[in-house]
N, C-alpha and C. Protein backbone atom coordinates (compact mmCIF):
# COMPACT_ATOMS: atom_id res chain seq x y z
N MET A 1 53.58 13.43 17.27
CA MET A 1 52.94 13.74 15.99
C MET A 1 52.32 12.50 15.36
N GLY A 2 53.16 11.40 15.42
CA GLY A 2 52.67 10.16 14.84
C GLY A 2 51.45 9.64 15.56
N GLY A 3 51.43 9.85 16.90
CA GLY A 3 50.27 9.41 17.68
C GLY A 3 49.01 10.14 17.29
N SER A 4 49.11 11.42 16.97
CA SER A 4 47.95 12.21 16.57
C SER A 4 47.39 11.72 15.25
N LYS A 5 48.30 11.39 14.32
CA LYS A 5 47.85 10.88 13.02
C LYS A 5 47.14 9.55 13.17
N SER A 6 47.68 8.69 14.04
CA SER A 6 47.05 7.39 14.26
C SER A 6 45.65 7.55 14.83
N LYS A 7 45.51 8.48 15.77
CA LYS A 7 44.19 8.73 16.35
C LYS A 7 43.20 9.23 15.30
N MET A 8 43.69 10.10 14.41
CA MET A 8 42.83 10.64 13.35
C MET A 8 42.38 9.54 12.40
N VAL A 9 43.32 8.63 12.07
CA VAL A 9 42.99 7.51 11.18
C VAL A 9 41.94 6.61 11.83
N ILE A 10 42.14 6.31 13.12
CA ILE A 10 41.19 5.46 13.84
C ILE A 10 39.81 6.11 13.89
N MET A 11 39.77 7.41 14.16
CA MET A 11 38.49 8.12 14.21
C MET A 11 37.81 8.11 12.85
N PHE A 12 38.61 8.27 11.79
CA PHE A 12 38.05 8.28 10.44
C PHE A 12 37.44 6.93 10.09
N VAL A 13 38.16 5.85 10.45
CA VAL A 13 37.67 4.50 10.20
C VAL A 13 36.38 4.25 10.97
N MET A 14 36.34 4.69 12.23
CA MET A 14 35.14 4.50 13.04
C MET A 14 33.95 5.25 12.47
N LEU A 15 34.20 6.46 11.96
CA LEU A 15 33.12 7.23 11.34
C LEU A 15 32.59 6.54 10.11
N LEU A 16 33.50 5.95 9.32
CA LEU A 16 33.08 5.22 8.13
C LEU A 16 32.20 4.03 8.50
N ILE A 17 32.59 3.32 9.56
CA ILE A 17 31.82 2.16 10.00
C ILE A 17 30.43 2.58 10.48
N ILE A 18 30.38 3.65 11.27
CA ILE A 18 29.09 4.15 11.76
C ILE A 18 28.21 4.59 10.61
N PHE A 19 28.81 5.31 9.66
CA PHE A 19 28.04 5.82 8.53
C PHE A 19 27.51 4.68 7.68
N LYS A 20 28.36 3.69 7.45
CA LYS A 20 27.95 2.56 6.61
C LYS A 20 26.86 1.74 7.27
N SER A 21 26.94 1.57 8.60
CA SER A 21 25.94 0.78 9.31
C SER A 21 24.60 1.47 9.36
N GLY A 22 24.57 2.79 9.22
CA GLY A 22 23.31 3.54 9.29
C GLY A 22 22.78 3.96 7.94
N TRP A 23 23.39 3.46 6.86
CA TRP A 23 22.95 3.87 5.53
C TRP A 23 22.95 2.68 4.60
N SER A 24 21.90 2.48 3.90
CA SER A 24 21.79 1.33 3.01
C SER A 24 22.46 1.59 1.68
N GLU A 25 23.04 0.53 1.11
CA GLU A 25 23.68 0.65 -0.19
C GLU A 25 22.72 0.34 -1.33
N GLY A 26 21.53 -0.10 -1.05
CA GLY A 26 20.59 -0.42 -2.11
C GLY A 26 19.53 -1.38 -1.63
N CYS A 27 18.60 -1.69 -2.50
CA CYS A 27 17.47 -2.54 -2.11
C CYS A 27 17.89 -4.00 -2.00
N LEU A 28 17.06 -4.78 -1.35
CA LEU A 28 17.32 -6.20 -1.19
C LEU A 28 16.95 -6.94 -2.46
N ASP A 29 17.69 -8.01 -2.74
CA ASP A 29 17.49 -8.76 -3.98
C ASP A 29 16.06 -9.29 -4.11
N HIS A 30 15.54 -9.87 -3.01
CA HIS A 30 14.22 -10.49 -3.13
C HIS A 30 13.12 -9.44 -3.35
N GLU A 31 13.34 -8.21 -2.87
CA GLU A 31 12.36 -7.16 -3.15
C GLU A 31 12.50 -6.66 -4.58
N ARG A 32 13.71 -6.63 -5.10
CA ARG A 32 13.91 -6.24 -6.50
C ARG A 32 13.23 -7.25 -7.43
N PHE A 33 13.40 -8.54 -7.14
CA PHE A 33 12.75 -9.56 -7.96
C PHE A 33 11.22 -9.46 -7.85
N ALA A 34 10.73 -9.14 -6.66
CA ALA A 34 9.28 -8.99 -6.47
C ALA A 34 8.75 -7.81 -7.29
N LEU A 35 9.52 -6.74 -7.38
CA LEU A 35 9.12 -5.59 -8.20
C LEU A 35 9.07 -5.96 -9.67
N LEU A 36 10.01 -6.77 -10.12
CA LEU A 36 10.02 -7.18 -11.52
C LEU A 36 8.81 -8.06 -11.84
N ARG A 37 8.39 -8.88 -10.87
CA ARG A 37 7.16 -9.67 -11.08
C ARG A 37 5.94 -8.76 -11.18
N LEU A 38 5.91 -7.73 -10.34
CA LEU A 38 4.81 -6.77 -10.40
C LEU A 38 4.77 -6.04 -11.73
N LYS A 39 5.94 -5.74 -12.27
CA LYS A 39 6.01 -5.03 -13.54
C LYS A 39 5.29 -5.81 -14.63
N HIS A 40 5.52 -7.11 -14.69
CA HIS A 40 4.88 -7.93 -15.72
C HIS A 40 3.40 -8.16 -15.43
N LEU A 41 3.01 -8.06 -14.17
CA LEU A 41 1.59 -8.18 -13.81
C LEU A 41 0.80 -6.99 -14.33
N PHE A 42 1.34 -5.80 -14.16
CA PHE A 42 0.64 -4.59 -14.56
C PHE A 42 0.82 -4.26 -16.04
N ASP A 43 1.94 -4.65 -16.61
CA ASP A 43 2.21 -4.32 -18.00
C ASP A 43 2.73 -5.58 -18.70
N ASP A 44 1.83 -6.26 -19.44
CA ASP A 44 2.22 -7.53 -20.06
C ASP A 44 3.26 -7.36 -21.15
N THR A 45 3.50 -6.13 -21.58
CA THR A 45 4.57 -5.91 -22.56
C THR A 45 5.93 -5.88 -21.88
N GLY A 46 5.92 -5.70 -20.55
CA GLY A 46 7.17 -5.69 -19.80
C GLY A 46 8.04 -4.48 -20.05
N SER A 47 7.44 -3.40 -20.54
CA SER A 47 8.25 -2.24 -20.91
C SER A 47 8.18 -1.09 -19.92
N TYR A 48 7.10 -1.02 -19.11
CA TYR A 48 6.93 0.12 -18.21
C TYR A 48 6.73 -0.37 -16.79
N PRO A 49 7.32 0.29 -15.82
CA PRO A 49 8.21 1.46 -15.87
C PRO A 49 9.55 1.11 -16.53
N TYR A 50 10.09 2.06 -17.25
CA TYR A 50 11.24 1.79 -18.09
C TYR A 50 12.49 1.44 -17.31
N ASP A 51 12.62 1.97 -16.10
CA ASP A 51 13.85 1.70 -15.34
C ASP A 51 13.73 0.48 -14.44
N TRP A 52 12.58 -0.21 -14.48
CA TRP A 52 12.45 -1.46 -13.73
C TRP A 52 13.02 -2.58 -14.59
N VAL A 53 14.29 -2.76 -14.59
CA VAL A 53 14.93 -3.77 -15.42
C VAL A 53 15.91 -4.57 -14.58
N ASP A 54 16.14 -5.79 -15.02
CA ASP A 54 17.06 -6.68 -14.33
C ASP A 54 18.34 -6.76 -15.14
N GLY A 55 19.25 -5.86 -14.84
CA GLY A 55 20.49 -5.85 -15.60
C GLY A 55 21.53 -4.99 -14.93
N GLU A 56 22.70 -5.00 -15.48
CA GLU A 56 23.81 -4.23 -14.93
C GLU A 56 23.47 -2.75 -14.91
N GLY A 57 23.74 -2.12 -13.79
CA GLY A 57 23.46 -0.69 -13.67
C GLY A 57 22.06 -0.39 -13.16
N ALA A 58 21.23 -1.43 -12.99
CA ALA A 58 19.85 -1.21 -12.51
C ALA A 58 19.55 -2.06 -11.29
N ILE A 59 20.59 -2.43 -10.56
CA ILE A 59 20.43 -3.33 -9.42
C ILE A 59 19.71 -2.67 -8.26
N ASP A 60 19.98 -1.38 -8.03
CA ASP A 60 19.39 -0.70 -6.88
C ASP A 60 17.98 -0.23 -7.19
N CYS A 61 17.00 -1.03 -6.81
CA CYS A 61 15.60 -0.69 -7.11
C CYS A 61 15.12 0.50 -6.29
N CYS A 62 15.88 0.91 -5.28
CA CYS A 62 15.50 2.10 -4.52
C CYS A 62 15.60 3.36 -5.36
N GLN A 63 16.30 3.27 -6.48
CA GLN A 63 16.43 4.41 -7.39
C GLN A 63 15.37 4.38 -8.49
N TRP A 64 14.57 3.33 -8.53
CA TRP A 64 13.55 3.21 -9.57
C TRP A 64 12.40 4.17 -9.30
N GLU A 65 11.77 4.63 -10.38
CA GLU A 65 10.60 5.48 -10.21
C GLU A 65 9.47 4.68 -9.58
N ARG A 66 8.62 5.38 -8.83
CA ARG A 66 7.46 4.80 -8.15
C ARG A 66 7.83 3.96 -6.93
N VAL A 67 9.10 3.92 -6.58
CA VAL A 67 9.56 3.12 -5.43
C VAL A 67 10.26 4.03 -4.43
N GLU A 68 9.91 3.87 -3.17
CA GLU A 68 10.61 4.60 -2.11
C GLU A 68 11.13 3.60 -1.08
N CYS A 69 12.37 3.77 -0.69
CA CYS A 69 12.99 2.87 0.28
C CYS A 69 13.40 3.62 1.54
N SER A 70 13.58 2.87 2.60
CA SER A 70 14.13 3.43 3.83
C SER A 70 15.62 3.71 3.63
N ASN A 71 16.07 4.87 4.07
CA ASN A 71 17.48 5.21 3.95
C ASN A 71 18.37 4.35 4.84
N THR A 72 17.80 3.81 5.88
CA THR A 72 18.61 3.04 6.83
C THR A 72 18.59 1.54 6.57
N THR A 73 17.45 1.00 6.16
CA THR A 73 17.35 -0.45 5.97
C THR A 73 17.42 -0.87 4.51
N GLY A 74 17.15 0.05 3.60
CA GLY A 74 17.11 -0.31 2.19
C GLY A 74 15.84 -1.06 1.79
N ARG A 75 14.91 -1.23 2.73
CA ARG A 75 13.66 -1.93 2.43
C ARG A 75 12.68 -0.98 1.77
N VAL A 76 11.87 -1.54 0.88
CA VAL A 76 10.83 -0.75 0.20
C VAL A 76 9.77 -0.36 1.21
N ILE A 77 9.45 0.95 1.27
CA ILE A 77 8.44 1.42 2.23
C ILE A 77 7.23 2.05 1.53
N ALA A 78 7.34 2.35 0.24
CA ALA A 78 6.21 2.95 -0.47
C ALA A 78 6.24 2.55 -1.95
N LEU A 79 5.06 2.21 -2.47
CA LEU A 79 4.89 1.88 -3.89
C LEU A 79 3.77 2.73 -4.45
N ASP A 80 4.09 3.57 -5.42
CA ASP A 80 3.10 4.42 -6.08
C ASP A 80 2.77 3.82 -7.44
N LEU A 81 1.82 2.89 -7.46
CA LEU A 81 1.51 2.14 -8.67
C LEU A 81 0.24 2.62 -9.35
N PHE A 82 -0.09 3.89 -9.19
CA PHE A 82 -1.30 4.44 -9.80
C PHE A 82 -1.16 4.44 -11.32
N GLU A 83 -2.27 4.09 -12.00
CA GLU A 83 -2.33 4.09 -13.47
C GLU A 83 -1.20 3.28 -14.09
N MET A 84 -0.91 2.13 -13.51
CA MET A 84 0.17 1.27 -14.03
C MET A 84 -0.33 0.28 -15.07
N TYR A 85 -1.60 -0.14 -14.95
CA TYR A 85 -2.11 -1.22 -15.79
C TYR A 85 -2.31 -0.76 -17.22
N SER A 86 -1.77 -1.53 -18.16
CA SER A 86 -1.83 -1.14 -19.57
C SER A 86 -2.90 -1.88 -20.35
N GLY A 87 -3.58 -2.86 -19.71
CA GLY A 87 -4.57 -3.66 -20.41
C GLY A 87 -5.88 -2.92 -20.64
N GLU A 88 -6.71 -3.52 -21.48
CA GLU A 88 -7.98 -2.90 -21.85
C GLU A 88 -9.11 -3.26 -20.91
N TYR A 89 -9.06 -4.47 -20.33
CA TYR A 89 -10.18 -4.98 -19.55
C TYR A 89 -9.83 -5.08 -18.05
N SER A 90 -10.88 -5.18 -17.24
CA SER A 90 -10.69 -5.35 -15.80
C SER A 90 -10.01 -6.70 -15.52
N TRP A 91 -9.36 -6.79 -14.38
CA TRP A 91 -8.61 -7.99 -14.04
C TRP A 91 -8.62 -8.20 -12.54
N TYR A 92 -8.05 -9.34 -12.11
CA TYR A 92 -8.07 -9.71 -10.69
C TYR A 92 -6.65 -9.76 -10.14
N LEU A 93 -6.49 -9.13 -9.00
CA LEU A 93 -5.18 -8.94 -8.39
C LEU A 93 -4.81 -10.10 -7.47
N ASN A 94 -3.55 -10.48 -7.50
CA ASN A 94 -3.00 -11.43 -6.53
C ASN A 94 -2.26 -10.62 -5.48
N ALA A 95 -2.90 -10.39 -4.35
CA ALA A 95 -2.33 -9.52 -3.32
C ALA A 95 -1.10 -10.11 -2.66
N SER A 96 -0.88 -11.41 -2.79
CA SER A 96 0.30 -12.04 -2.20
C SER A 96 1.59 -11.52 -2.82
N LEU A 97 1.50 -10.95 -4.00
CA LEU A 97 2.69 -10.44 -4.67
C LEU A 97 3.30 -9.25 -3.92
N PHE A 98 2.55 -8.69 -2.98
CA PHE A 98 3.07 -7.56 -2.21
C PHE A 98 3.69 -7.98 -0.88
N THR A 99 3.53 -9.24 -0.51
CA THR A 99 4.00 -9.68 0.81
C THR A 99 5.52 -9.69 0.98
N PRO A 100 6.33 -9.73 -0.10
CA PRO A 100 7.78 -9.63 0.11
C PRO A 100 8.23 -8.29 0.70
N PHE A 101 7.37 -7.27 0.58
CA PHE A 101 7.75 -5.93 1.04
C PHE A 101 7.34 -5.76 2.51
N GLN A 102 8.11 -6.38 3.38
CA GLN A 102 7.71 -6.51 4.78
C GLN A 102 7.67 -5.19 5.54
N GLN A 103 8.31 -4.16 5.04
CA GLN A 103 8.27 -2.86 5.72
C GLN A 103 7.45 -1.84 4.96
N LEU A 104 6.62 -2.30 4.05
CA LEU A 104 5.79 -1.40 3.25
C LEU A 104 4.83 -0.61 4.12
N GLU A 105 4.84 0.70 3.93
CA GLU A 105 3.97 1.60 4.69
C GLU A 105 2.85 2.19 3.84
N SER A 106 3.10 2.35 2.56
CA SER A 106 2.13 3.01 1.68
C SER A 106 2.03 2.28 0.35
N LEU A 107 0.79 1.97 -0.06
CA LEU A 107 0.54 1.29 -1.33
C LEU A 107 -0.58 2.00 -2.08
N ASP A 108 -0.26 2.54 -3.24
CA ASP A 108 -1.22 3.27 -4.06
C ASP A 108 -1.50 2.48 -5.34
N LEU A 109 -2.74 1.99 -5.47
CA LEU A 109 -3.15 1.20 -6.64
C LEU A 109 -4.25 1.92 -7.42
N THR A 110 -4.28 3.22 -7.35
CA THR A 110 -5.32 4.02 -8.00
C THR A 110 -5.41 3.76 -9.50
N ASP A 111 -6.65 3.64 -9.98
CA ASP A 111 -6.95 3.62 -11.42
C ASP A 111 -6.17 2.56 -12.18
N ASN A 112 -6.38 1.30 -11.78
CA ASN A 112 -5.73 0.18 -12.45
C ASN A 112 -6.71 -0.87 -12.98
N LYS A 113 -8.00 -0.53 -13.02
CA LYS A 113 -9.04 -1.43 -13.56
C LYS A 113 -9.12 -2.76 -12.81
N ILE A 114 -8.83 -2.71 -11.51
CA ILE A 114 -8.88 -3.94 -10.70
C ILE A 114 -10.32 -4.23 -10.31
N ALA A 115 -10.80 -5.42 -10.67
CA ALA A 115 -12.18 -5.80 -10.39
C ALA A 115 -12.32 -6.54 -9.06
N GLY A 116 -11.23 -7.03 -8.55
CA GLY A 116 -11.25 -7.81 -7.32
C GLY A 116 -9.92 -8.54 -7.18
N CYS A 117 -9.93 -9.61 -6.40
CA CYS A 117 -8.70 -10.36 -6.16
C CYS A 117 -8.86 -11.82 -6.54
N VAL A 118 -7.75 -12.45 -6.87
CA VAL A 118 -7.72 -13.88 -7.15
C VAL A 118 -8.20 -14.64 -5.91
N GLU A 119 -8.93 -15.72 -6.12
CA GLU A 119 -9.45 -16.51 -5.01
C GLU A 119 -8.32 -16.96 -4.08
N ASN A 120 -8.53 -16.77 -2.80
CA ASN A 120 -7.57 -17.11 -1.74
C ASN A 120 -6.30 -16.26 -1.76
N GLU A 121 -6.28 -15.24 -2.58
CA GLU A 121 -5.12 -14.33 -2.64
C GLU A 121 -5.61 -12.88 -2.53
N GLY A 122 -6.58 -12.66 -1.65
CA GLY A 122 -7.21 -11.35 -1.52
C GLY A 122 -6.41 -10.39 -0.68
N LEU A 123 -7.01 -9.24 -0.42
CA LEU A 123 -6.32 -8.17 0.31
C LEU A 123 -6.02 -8.54 1.75
N GLU A 124 -6.66 -9.59 2.26
CA GLU A 124 -6.34 -10.04 3.61
C GLU A 124 -4.87 -10.48 3.72
N ARG A 125 -4.28 -10.82 2.59
CA ARG A 125 -2.86 -11.20 2.57
C ARG A 125 -1.97 -10.05 3.03
N LEU A 126 -2.45 -8.83 2.84
CA LEU A 126 -1.66 -7.66 3.23
C LEU A 126 -1.57 -7.51 4.75
N SER A 127 -2.32 -8.32 5.48
CA SER A 127 -2.25 -8.27 6.94
C SER A 127 -0.87 -8.69 7.44
N ARG A 128 -0.10 -9.33 6.58
CA ARG A 128 1.27 -9.70 6.94
C ARG A 128 2.19 -8.49 6.98
N LEU A 129 1.74 -7.40 6.40
CA LEU A 129 2.55 -6.18 6.35
C LEU A 129 2.18 -5.31 7.54
N ASN A 130 2.86 -5.49 8.64
CA ASN A 130 2.48 -4.84 9.89
C ASN A 130 2.66 -3.34 9.90
N ASN A 131 3.44 -2.81 8.94
CA ASN A 131 3.69 -1.37 8.90
C ASN A 131 2.80 -0.65 7.90
N LEU A 132 1.92 -1.36 7.22
CA LEU A 132 1.09 -0.75 6.18
C LEU A 132 0.09 0.23 6.80
N LYS A 133 0.24 1.50 6.46
CA LYS A 133 -0.61 2.54 7.04
C LYS A 133 -1.53 3.19 6.01
N MET A 134 -1.13 3.22 4.75
CA MET A 134 -1.93 3.88 3.73
C MET A 134 -2.20 2.92 2.57
N LEU A 135 -3.49 2.73 2.24
CA LEU A 135 -3.88 1.89 1.12
C LEU A 135 -4.87 2.66 0.26
N ASN A 136 -4.49 2.92 -0.98
CA ASN A 136 -5.33 3.67 -1.91
C ASN A 136 -5.80 2.74 -3.03
N LEU A 137 -7.09 2.43 -3.02
CA LEU A 137 -7.70 1.55 -4.02
C LEU A 137 -8.70 2.31 -4.88
N SER A 138 -8.60 3.61 -4.92
CA SER A 138 -9.59 4.45 -5.61
C SER A 138 -9.58 4.23 -7.12
N GLU A 139 -10.73 4.52 -7.73
CA GLU A 139 -10.91 4.48 -9.19
C GLU A 139 -10.60 3.10 -9.77
N ASN A 140 -11.10 2.07 -9.08
CA ASN A 140 -11.03 0.71 -9.60
C ASN A 140 -12.46 0.16 -9.70
N SER A 141 -12.62 -1.16 -9.65
CA SER A 141 -13.95 -1.75 -9.80
C SER A 141 -14.26 -2.72 -8.67
N PHE A 142 -13.75 -2.45 -7.48
CA PHE A 142 -14.03 -3.30 -6.33
C PHE A 142 -15.50 -3.17 -5.92
N ASN A 143 -16.13 -4.30 -5.59
CA ASN A 143 -17.51 -4.25 -5.10
C ASN A 143 -17.54 -4.54 -3.60
N ASN A 144 -18.72 -4.75 -3.05
CA ASN A 144 -18.88 -4.90 -1.60
C ASN A 144 -18.11 -6.09 -1.03
N SER A 145 -17.78 -7.07 -1.87
CA SER A 145 -17.08 -8.25 -1.37
C SER A 145 -15.69 -7.94 -0.84
N ILE A 146 -15.17 -6.78 -1.19
CA ILE A 146 -13.83 -6.40 -0.72
C ILE A 146 -13.81 -6.10 0.77
N LEU A 147 -14.97 -5.72 1.32
CA LEU A 147 -15.01 -5.22 2.69
C LEU A 147 -14.55 -6.25 3.72
N SER A 148 -14.92 -7.51 3.52
CA SER A 148 -14.54 -8.54 4.50
C SER A 148 -13.03 -8.75 4.54
N SER A 149 -12.36 -8.60 3.40
CA SER A 149 -10.90 -8.78 3.38
C SER A 149 -10.19 -7.59 4.02
N LEU A 150 -10.79 -6.43 3.97
CA LEU A 150 -10.17 -5.23 4.55
C LEU A 150 -10.17 -5.27 6.07
N THR A 151 -11.06 -6.06 6.67
CA THR A 151 -11.14 -6.12 8.12
C THR A 151 -9.87 -6.67 8.76
N HIS A 152 -9.04 -7.33 7.97
CA HIS A 152 -7.80 -7.92 8.49
C HIS A 152 -6.65 -6.91 8.57
N LEU A 153 -6.82 -5.75 7.96
CA LEU A 153 -5.72 -4.80 7.85
C LEU A 153 -5.74 -3.80 9.00
N SER A 154 -5.47 -4.29 10.18
CA SER A 154 -5.65 -3.49 11.40
C SER A 154 -4.64 -2.36 11.55
N SER A 155 -3.57 -2.35 10.78
CA SER A 155 -2.56 -1.30 10.91
C SER A 155 -2.89 -0.05 10.09
N LEU A 156 -3.93 -0.12 9.24
CA LEU A 156 -4.24 1.00 8.35
C LEU A 156 -4.65 2.26 9.11
N ARG A 157 -4.16 3.39 8.62
CA ARG A 157 -4.59 4.69 9.11
C ARG A 157 -5.38 5.45 8.04
N SER A 158 -5.11 5.14 6.79
CA SER A 158 -5.81 5.80 5.68
C SER A 158 -6.25 4.76 4.66
N LEU A 159 -7.54 4.78 4.32
CA LEU A 159 -8.11 3.84 3.35
C LEU A 159 -8.94 4.62 2.35
N ASN A 160 -8.61 4.47 1.07
CA ASN A 160 -9.31 5.21 0.02
C ASN A 160 -10.00 4.23 -0.92
N LEU A 161 -11.34 4.27 -0.92
CA LEU A 161 -12.15 3.43 -1.80
C LEU A 161 -12.99 4.28 -2.75
N PHE A 162 -12.57 5.49 -2.97
CA PHE A 162 -13.28 6.43 -3.83
C PHE A 162 -13.49 5.85 -5.23
N TRP A 163 -14.72 6.02 -5.74
CA TRP A 163 -15.08 5.67 -7.11
C TRP A 163 -14.79 4.20 -7.46
N ASN A 164 -15.43 3.32 -6.71
CA ASN A 164 -15.41 1.91 -7.02
C ASN A 164 -16.85 1.46 -7.31
N ARG A 165 -17.19 0.24 -6.95
CA ARG A 165 -18.55 -0.27 -7.20
C ARG A 165 -19.23 -0.71 -5.91
N LEU A 166 -18.94 -0.01 -4.85
CA LEU A 166 -19.66 -0.24 -3.60
C LEU A 166 -21.08 0.26 -3.78
N GLU A 167 -22.05 -0.47 -3.25
CA GLU A 167 -23.44 -0.07 -3.46
C GLU A 167 -24.33 -0.57 -2.34
N GLY A 168 -25.54 -0.02 -2.35
CA GLY A 168 -26.55 -0.46 -1.40
C GLY A 168 -26.27 -0.01 0.02
N SER A 169 -26.55 -0.89 0.96
CA SER A 169 -26.40 -0.59 2.39
C SER A 169 -25.07 -1.15 2.89
N ILE A 170 -24.33 -0.31 3.60
CA ILE A 170 -23.05 -0.74 4.17
C ILE A 170 -23.06 -0.46 5.66
N ASP A 171 -22.73 -1.48 6.43
CA ASP A 171 -22.67 -1.33 7.88
C ASP A 171 -21.27 -0.85 8.27
N PHE A 172 -21.22 0.21 9.04
CA PHE A 172 -19.95 0.77 9.48
C PHE A 172 -19.13 -0.26 10.25
N LYS A 173 -19.81 -1.28 10.75
CA LYS A 173 -19.10 -2.30 11.52
C LYS A 173 -18.09 -3.05 10.67
N GLU A 174 -18.24 -2.97 9.34
CA GLU A 174 -17.27 -3.58 8.44
C GLU A 174 -15.87 -3.02 8.68
N PHE A 175 -15.80 -1.79 9.17
CA PHE A 175 -14.51 -1.13 9.38
C PHE A 175 -14.09 -1.12 10.86
N ASP A 176 -14.85 -1.78 11.70
CA ASP A 176 -14.65 -1.65 13.14
C ASP A 176 -13.32 -2.23 13.62
N SER A 177 -12.79 -3.21 12.90
CA SER A 177 -11.52 -3.82 13.31
C SER A 177 -10.32 -2.97 12.93
N LEU A 178 -10.54 -1.92 12.14
CA LEU A 178 -9.44 -1.04 11.75
C LEU A 178 -9.25 0.00 12.85
N ARG A 179 -8.62 -0.39 13.91
CA ARG A 179 -8.56 0.39 15.14
C ARG A 179 -7.77 1.69 15.00
N ASP A 180 -6.83 1.73 14.06
CA ASP A 180 -6.00 2.92 13.91
C ASP A 180 -6.45 3.81 12.75
N LEU A 181 -7.57 3.47 12.12
CA LEU A 181 -8.03 4.21 10.95
C LEU A 181 -8.38 5.65 11.30
N GLU A 182 -7.80 6.58 10.54
CA GLU A 182 -8.04 8.01 10.74
C GLU A 182 -8.72 8.65 9.54
N GLU A 183 -8.55 8.07 8.38
CA GLU A 183 -9.12 8.66 7.17
C GLU A 183 -9.75 7.58 6.31
N LEU A 184 -10.99 7.80 5.91
CA LEU A 184 -11.73 6.87 5.07
C LEU A 184 -12.45 7.63 3.98
N ASP A 185 -12.18 7.29 2.73
CA ASP A 185 -12.82 7.95 1.60
C ASP A 185 -13.60 6.91 0.81
N ILE A 186 -14.92 7.01 0.82
CA ILE A 186 -15.76 6.10 0.04
C ILE A 186 -16.69 6.89 -0.88
N GLY A 187 -16.25 8.07 -1.27
CA GLY A 187 -17.06 8.91 -2.15
C GLY A 187 -17.20 8.33 -3.54
N ALA A 188 -18.19 8.86 -4.28
CA ALA A 188 -18.44 8.48 -5.68
C ALA A 188 -18.72 7.00 -5.85
N ASN A 189 -19.38 6.39 -4.86
CA ASN A 189 -19.88 5.03 -4.98
C ASN A 189 -21.41 5.09 -4.99
N LYS A 190 -22.05 3.96 -5.18
CA LYS A 190 -23.52 3.93 -5.23
C LYS A 190 -24.09 3.43 -3.91
N ILE A 191 -23.60 4.00 -2.83
CA ILE A 191 -24.08 3.64 -1.50
C ILE A 191 -25.30 4.48 -1.18
N ASP A 192 -26.41 3.84 -0.84
CA ASP A 192 -27.61 4.60 -0.53
C ASP A 192 -27.98 4.54 0.95
N LYS A 193 -27.25 3.75 1.71
CA LYS A 193 -27.54 3.68 3.15
C LYS A 193 -26.26 3.29 3.88
N PHE A 194 -25.94 4.02 4.92
CA PHE A 194 -24.76 3.73 5.72
C PHE A 194 -25.21 3.52 7.15
N VAL A 195 -25.11 2.29 7.64
CA VAL A 195 -25.63 1.93 8.95
C VAL A 195 -24.53 1.96 9.99
N VAL A 196 -24.78 2.65 11.08
CA VAL A 196 -23.85 2.67 12.22
C VAL A 196 -24.51 1.90 13.35
N SER A 197 -24.10 0.66 13.54
CA SER A 197 -24.70 -0.19 14.56
C SER A 197 -24.24 0.22 15.95
N LYS A 198 -25.04 -0.12 16.95
CA LYS A 198 -24.68 0.21 18.33
C LYS A 198 -23.40 -0.49 18.76
N GLY A 199 -23.15 -1.63 18.17
CA GLY A 199 -21.94 -2.37 18.53
C GLY A 199 -20.69 -1.82 17.91
N THR A 200 -20.83 -0.84 17.03
CA THR A 200 -19.67 -0.26 16.38
C THR A 200 -19.02 0.74 17.32
N THR A 201 -17.74 0.48 17.65
CA THR A 201 -17.09 1.34 18.64
C THR A 201 -15.81 1.98 18.14
N ASN A 202 -14.85 1.16 17.76
CA ASN A 202 -13.51 1.68 17.47
C ASN A 202 -13.48 2.66 16.32
N THR A 203 -14.13 2.30 15.21
CA THR A 203 -14.04 3.14 14.03
C THR A 203 -14.72 4.48 14.24
N THR A 204 -15.93 4.47 14.79
CA THR A 204 -16.64 5.73 14.97
C THR A 204 -15.91 6.64 15.94
N LYS A 205 -15.13 6.07 16.83
CA LYS A 205 -14.41 6.88 17.81
C LYS A 205 -13.15 7.49 17.20
N ASN A 206 -12.46 6.73 16.34
CA ASN A 206 -11.14 7.15 15.89
C ASN A 206 -11.12 7.89 14.56
N VAL A 207 -12.00 7.53 13.64
CA VAL A 207 -11.95 8.16 12.32
C VAL A 207 -12.46 9.59 12.42
N ASN A 208 -11.63 10.53 12.00
CA ASN A 208 -12.03 11.94 12.13
C ASN A 208 -12.25 12.62 10.79
N PHE A 209 -12.16 11.88 9.69
CA PHE A 209 -12.38 12.50 8.39
C PHE A 209 -13.08 11.51 7.48
N TYR A 210 -14.21 11.92 6.92
CA TYR A 210 -14.94 11.05 6.00
C TYR A 210 -15.26 11.81 4.73
N LYS A 211 -15.19 11.11 3.62
CA LYS A 211 -15.76 11.61 2.38
C LYS A 211 -16.82 10.60 2.00
N LEU A 212 -18.05 10.95 2.22
CA LEU A 212 -19.14 10.01 2.01
C LEU A 212 -20.06 10.43 0.88
N THR A 213 -19.65 11.44 0.13
CA THR A 213 -20.49 11.86 -0.98
C THR A 213 -20.46 10.81 -2.07
N GLY A 214 -21.57 10.61 -2.75
CA GLY A 214 -21.63 9.64 -3.82
C GLY A 214 -22.66 10.02 -4.85
N PHE A 215 -23.00 9.08 -5.71
CA PHE A 215 -23.98 9.34 -6.74
C PHE A 215 -25.38 9.48 -6.15
N PHE A 216 -25.57 8.89 -4.97
CA PHE A 216 -26.85 9.00 -4.29
C PHE A 216 -26.62 9.54 -2.89
N ALA A 217 -27.61 10.19 -2.34
CA ALA A 217 -27.47 10.69 -0.97
C ALA A 217 -27.33 9.52 -0.01
N ILE A 218 -26.48 9.70 0.96
CA ILE A 218 -26.25 8.64 1.95
C ILE A 218 -26.99 8.98 3.23
N TRP A 219 -27.73 8.01 3.74
CA TRP A 219 -28.48 8.21 4.97
C TRP A 219 -27.81 7.41 6.08
N PHE A 220 -27.62 8.05 7.21
CA PHE A 220 -27.05 7.37 8.37
C PHE A 220 -28.18 6.86 9.25
N ILE A 221 -28.09 5.62 9.62
CA ILE A 221 -29.11 5.01 10.46
C ILE A 221 -28.44 4.41 11.68
N ILE A 222 -28.81 4.85 12.84
CA ILE A 222 -28.27 4.29 14.08
C ILE A 222 -29.21 3.20 14.56
N LEU A 223 -28.67 1.99 14.66
CA LEU A 223 -29.50 0.87 15.08
C LEU A 223 -29.22 0.52 16.54
């Protein structure tokens, strides 16, 4: 009888160890601190989101609104930062502030009045995030200069540039290095010509969904 109880205790302990090793107890400290820095970047009053606080009872940032973490690693995998900015005027983003989130898969920056990026701290910095698959930059004020920095984000599958300040002629080759891209939305911009060069291969082959409607009709030209 005693032997059976001992076996049950051992099995229970082993199950606890397995369960604990496969389940995270909360977010990592350096990612929590990075989120607090982002909070002050988007809201200079430091009040929103209300549960993004550095204090007792708020240590697990995986429980914070707008944040999603992996159940197994505790790493941040998604940030929904749409309509976070509280300021009145357009501003410039320091993309390096997102690099602590090494397992980030989805980043939504919709409608934050972003005009561009700080010099030498552009969106190319996000190339360090090898798991980043979805980037939503819609309803901001990015112009054509953003395109060169996006070429570094080869892991992207979905890119949303809807309603920014893209204009004039855009060569599809700008997106050619995004080999895994499946969805591209550049609607509601002032693009009047979209050029697909003969040298453009990867993007035209892989992207299967486009939203190319804008304020002006877009003409495709094969060169």
